[in-house]
N, C-alpha and C. Protein backbone atom coordinates (compact mmCIF):
# COMPACT_ATOMS: atom_id res chain seq x y z
N UNK A 1 120.67 138.86 72.86
CA UNK A 1 119.86 138.02 73.63
C UNK A 1 120.35 136.57 73.53
N UNK A 2 120.39 136.06 74.45
CA UNK A 2 121.00 134.43 74.54
C UNK A 2 119.69 133.80 74.02
N UNK A 3 120.01 132.51 73.40
CA UNK A 3 118.99 131.73 72.73
C UNK A 3 118.26 130.86 73.76
N UNK A 4 117.09 130.43 73.83
CA UNK A 4 116.37 129.66 74.73
C UNK A 4 117.17 128.28 74.84
N UNK A 5 116.99 127.92 76.03
CA UNK A 5 117.79 126.58 76.38
C UNK A 5 116.99 125.59 76.43
N UNK A 6 116.94 124.40 75.55
CA UNK A 6 116.20 123.30 76.06
C UNK A 6 117.24 122.11 76.51
N UNK A 7 116.64 121.37 77.58
CA UNK A 7 117.46 120.22 78.09
C UNK A 7 116.44 119.01 78.35
N UNK A 8 116.83 118.05 77.82
CA UNK A 8 115.87 116.92 77.76
C UNK A 8 116.40 116.22 79.03
N UNK A 9 115.54 115.98 80.01
CA UNK A 9 116.03 115.07 81.14
C UNK A 9 115.69 113.56 80.94
N UNK A 10 114.58 113.26 80.07
CA UNK A 10 114.41 111.98 79.91
C UNK A 10 113.77 111.59 78.47
N UNK A 11 113.87 110.71 77.90
CA UNK A 11 113.35 110.31 76.66
C UNK A 11 113.42 109.00 76.54
N UNK A 12 112.14 108.31 76.22
CA UNK A 12 111.88 106.94 75.88
C UNK A 12 110.95 107.20 74.55
N UNK A 13 110.55 105.87 73.98
CA UNK A 13 109.90 105.89 72.77
C UNK A 13 108.56 106.54 72.78
N UNK A 14 108.08 106.78 74.11
CA UNK A 14 106.35 107.30 74.34
C UNK A 14 106.61 108.55 75.09
N UNK A 15 107.91 108.96 75.46
CA UNK A 15 107.97 109.88 76.50
C UNK A 15 109.00 110.95 76.54
N UNK A 16 108.89 112.23 76.49
CA UNK A 16 109.99 113.04 76.57
C UNK A 16 109.56 114.19 77.59
N UNK A 17 110.79 114.39 78.46
CA UNK A 17 110.52 115.32 79.53
C UNK A 17 111.59 116.33 79.45
N UNK A 18 111.52 117.79 79.40
CA UNK A 18 112.48 118.58 79.14
C UNK A 18 112.41 119.92 80.06
N UNK A 19 113.30 120.49 80.33
CA UNK A 19 113.35 121.87 80.97
C UNK A 19 113.61 122.70 79.86
N UNK A 20 112.95 123.88 79.72
CA UNK A 20 113.22 125.05 78.84
C UNK A 20 113.18 126.37 79.83
N UNK A 21 114.44 126.92 79.33
CA UNK A 21 114.85 128.24 80.01
C UNK A 21 114.48 129.36 78.98
N UNK A 22 113.52 130.47 79.16
CA UNK A 22 113.56 131.51 78.36
C UNK A 22 113.86 132.80 78.92
N UNK A 23 114.26 133.86 78.23
CA UNK A 23 114.50 135.05 79.00
C UNK A 23 114.01 136.26 77.96
N UNK A 24 112.86 136.66 77.79
CA UNK A 24 112.28 137.46 76.60
C UNK A 24 111.88 136.80 75.52
N UNK A 25 111.75 135.64 75.48
CA UNK A 25 111.79 135.06 74.18
C UNK A 25 110.16 134.88 73.80
N UNK A 26 110.03 134.69 72.38
CA UNK A 26 108.66 134.67 72.01
C UNK A 26 108.70 133.80 70.79
N UNK A 27 107.75 133.23 70.15
CA UNK A 27 107.87 132.43 68.83
C UNK A 27 107.63 133.75 67.89
N UNK A 28 108.55 133.49 66.57
CA UNK A 28 108.65 134.46 65.68
C UNK A 28 107.10 134.93 65.38
N UNK A 29 106.86 135.99 64.77
CA UNK A 29 105.37 136.66 64.42
C UNK A 29 105.12 135.61 63.48
N UNK A 30 103.82 135.10 63.17
CA UNK A 30 103.51 134.51 62.15
C UNK A 30 103.45 132.92 62.14
N UNK A 31 104.39 132.58 62.97
CA UNK A 31 104.69 131.23 63.06
C UNK A 31 103.94 130.50 64.39
N UNK A 32 103.42 129.25 64.11
CA UNK A 32 102.72 128.55 64.93
C UNK A 32 103.23 127.18 65.34
N UNK A 33 103.24 126.61 66.48
CA UNK A 33 103.82 125.59 66.94
C UNK A 33 102.87 124.52 66.92
N UNK A 34 103.31 123.38 66.43
CA UNK A 34 102.26 122.28 66.32
C UNK A 34 102.81 120.68 66.47
N UNK A 35 102.78 120.30 67.74
CA UNK A 35 103.53 119.38 68.15
C UNK A 35 102.87 118.03 67.67
N UNK A 36 103.83 116.98 67.45
CA UNK A 36 103.01 115.60 67.05
C UNK A 36 102.61 114.69 68.11
N UNK A 37 102.92 115.15 69.41
CA UNK A 37 102.63 114.50 70.76
C UNK A 37 101.70 115.30 71.54
N UNK A 38 101.20 115.01 72.49
CA UNK A 38 100.36 115.73 73.55
C UNK A 38 101.52 116.39 74.44
N UNK A 39 101.40 117.33 74.81
CA UNK A 39 102.16 118.22 75.98
C UNK A 39 101.66 118.70 77.12
N UNK A 40 101.97 118.34 78.17
CA UNK A 40 101.74 119.17 79.51
C UNK A 40 102.96 119.99 79.90
N UNK A 41 102.49 121.27 80.12
CA UNK A 41 103.46 122.25 80.32
C UNK A 41 103.29 123.00 81.79
N UNK A 42 104.41 123.06 82.67
CA UNK A 42 104.13 123.78 84.02
C UNK A 42 105.23 124.77 83.74
N UNK A 43 104.79 126.01 84.28
CA UNK A 43 105.64 127.15 84.50
C UNK A 43 106.12 127.07 85.92
N UNK A 44 107.73 127.03 86.08
CA UNK A 44 108.17 126.82 87.49
C UNK A 44 108.69 128.19 88.12
N UNK A 45 109.20 129.10 86.70
CA UNK A 45 109.47 130.23 87.45
C UNK A 45 109.47 131.38 86.26
N UNK A 46 109.37 132.72 86.68
CA UNK A 46 109.19 133.73 85.54
C UNK A 46 107.34 133.80 85.21
N UNK A 47 107.23 134.59 83.98
CA UNK A 47 105.95 134.80 83.55
C UNK A 47 105.83 134.65 81.98
N UNK A 48 104.82 134.07 81.48
CA UNK A 48 104.71 133.96 79.78
C UNK A 48 103.16 134.08 79.55
N UNK A 49 103.05 134.10 78.22
CA UNK A 49 101.80 134.21 77.88
C UNK A 49 101.66 133.18 76.53
N UNK A 50 100.70 132.15 76.51
CA UNK A 50 100.57 131.36 75.47
C UNK A 50 99.47 131.79 74.62
N UNK A 51 99.52 131.63 73.19
CA UNK A 51 98.26 132.10 72.51
C UNK A 51 97.94 130.84 71.65
N UNK A 52 96.53 130.49 71.56
CA UNK A 52 96.33 129.50 70.61
C UNK A 52 95.48 129.87 69.51
N UNK A 53 95.72 129.25 68.32
CA UNK A 53 95.07 129.54 67.18
C UNK A 53 93.54 129.88 67.32
N UNK A 54 93.03 130.86 67.04
CA UNK A 54 91.62 131.19 67.22
C UNK A 54 91.45 132.25 68.62
N UNK A 55 92.83 132.59 69.11
CA UNK A 55 92.80 133.72 69.82
C UNK A 55 93.03 133.50 71.12
N UNK A 56 92.69 132.75 71.86
CA UNK A 56 92.62 132.36 73.36
C UNK A 56 94.28 132.48 73.63
N UNK A 57 94.32 133.50 74.76
CA UNK A 57 95.55 133.51 75.40
C UNK A 57 95.51 133.31 76.85
N UNK A 58 96.48 132.51 77.06
CA UNK A 58 96.71 131.88 78.62
C UNK A 58 97.92 132.78 79.14
N UNK A 59 97.60 133.53 80.39
CA UNK A 59 98.54 134.02 81.21
C UNK A 59 99.06 133.13 82.28
N UNK A 60 100.55 132.88 82.17
CA UNK A 60 101.13 131.86 83.08
C UNK A 60 102.20 132.57 84.06
N UNK A 61 101.84 132.09 85.41
CA UNK A 61 103.01 132.35 86.41
C UNK A 61 103.55 130.99 86.93
N UNK A 62 104.29 131.32 88.16
CA UNK A 62 104.76 129.81 88.51
C UNK A 62 103.70 129.05 89.18
N UNK A 63 103.60 127.88 88.90
CA UNK A 63 102.63 126.88 89.11
C UNK A 63 101.47 126.88 88.14
N UNK A 64 101.58 127.62 87.14
CA UNK A 64 100.30 127.41 86.11
C UNK A 64 100.57 126.42 85.13
N UNK A 65 99.80 125.72 84.66
CA UNK A 65 99.85 124.65 83.74
C UNK A 65 98.99 124.46 82.49
N UNK A 66 99.09 124.07 81.65
CA UNK A 66 98.20 123.89 80.41
C UNK A 66 98.65 122.48 79.71
N UNK A 67 97.54 122.13 79.15
CA UNK A 67 97.49 120.69 78.39
C UNK A 67 97.40 121.13 77.05
N UNK A 68 98.51 120.64 76.18
CA UNK A 68 98.44 120.85 74.73
C UNK A 68 98.08 119.58 73.83
N UNK A 69 97.04 119.31 73.46
CA UNK A 69 96.89 118.12 72.65
C UNK A 69 97.64 118.24 71.32
N UNK A 70 98.21 117.09 70.90
CA UNK A 70 98.96 117.03 69.57
C UNK A 70 98.26 117.68 68.56
N UNK A 71 98.97 118.68 67.60
CA UNK A 71 98.19 119.11 66.52
C UNK A 71 97.81 120.57 66.76
N UNK A 72 97.53 120.73 68.02
CA UNK A 72 96.89 122.07 68.20
C UNK A 72 97.80 123.17 68.26
N UNK A 73 97.44 124.21 67.17
CA UNK A 73 98.47 125.19 67.29
C UNK A 73 98.41 126.32 68.05
N UNK A 74 99.65 126.44 68.27
CA UNK A 74 99.73 127.52 69.61
C UNK A 74 101.28 128.26 69.43
N UNK A 75 101.40 129.15 70.24
CA UNK A 75 102.80 129.90 70.08
C UNK A 75 103.05 130.41 71.54
N UNK A 76 104.10 130.84 71.72
CA UNK A 76 104.53 131.71 72.93
C UNK A 76 104.70 133.02 72.55
N UNK A 77 103.58 133.71 73.06
CA UNK A 77 103.51 135.15 72.75
C UNK A 77 104.32 135.89 73.37
N UNK A 78 104.86 135.60 74.45
CA UNK A 78 105.66 136.47 75.43
C UNK A 78 106.26 135.80 76.42
N UNK A 79 107.38 135.99 76.99
CA UNK A 79 107.94 135.80 78.23
C UNK A 79 108.68 136.99 78.63
N UNK A 80 108.67 136.99 80.16
CA UNK A 80 109.17 138.23 80.85
C UNK A 80 110.62 138.58 80.55
N UNK A 81 110.89 139.58 79.99
CA UNK A 81 112.30 140.08 79.62
C UNK A 81 113.27 140.22 80.95
N UNK A 82 114.09 139.94 80.89
CA UNK A 82 115.39 140.15 81.79
C UNK A 82 115.34 139.29 83.05
N UNK A 83 114.22 138.19 82.96
CA UNK A 83 113.96 137.43 83.96
C UNK A 83 114.31 135.95 83.30
N UNK A 84 114.62 135.15 84.24
CA UNK A 84 114.47 133.43 83.83
C UNK A 84 113.05 133.07 83.82
N UNK A 85 112.68 132.57 82.72
CA UNK A 85 111.25 131.81 82.75
C UNK A 85 111.48 130.43 82.44
N UNK A 86 111.27 129.49 83.65
CA UNK A 86 111.46 128.09 83.54
C UNK A 86 110.34 127.42 83.06
N UNK A 87 110.31 126.54 82.20
CA UNK A 87 109.28 125.63 81.82
C UNK A 87 109.93 124.06 82.29
N UNK A 88 108.65 123.41 82.35
CA UNK A 88 108.83 122.09 82.45
C UNK A 88 107.98 121.27 81.44
N UNK A 89 108.30 120.53 80.61
CA UNK A 89 107.42 120.11 79.55
C UNK A 89 107.44 118.61 79.51
N UNK A 90 106.10 117.79 79.60
CA UNK A 90 106.38 116.50 79.39
C UNK A 90 105.38 116.30 78.00
N UNK A 91 106.00 115.28 77.22
CA UNK A 91 105.31 115.12 75.71
C UNK A 91 105.10 113.90 75.91
N UNK A 92 103.76 113.46 75.52
CA UNK A 92 103.46 111.79 75.51
C UNK A 92 102.86 111.44 74.12
């Protein structure tokens, strides 16, 4: 499996915009992501599931978006195998 690809499109002191390409990737079991900044994510292509600590799961398809506040524990539960899943993330 190829690694996920992260491309920073813009970075300033208070803003980071990136494009992420996944293909069957997920956050390793037992690991939780906690960003230091708020993050707005929109799915441009493919499909994915995000899980938030506490059990809430969000299924995403192209056009779906989610706001993740700074410090909120979450993980990528699943991205569609064999298909490019493309995310657009804005960190503020």
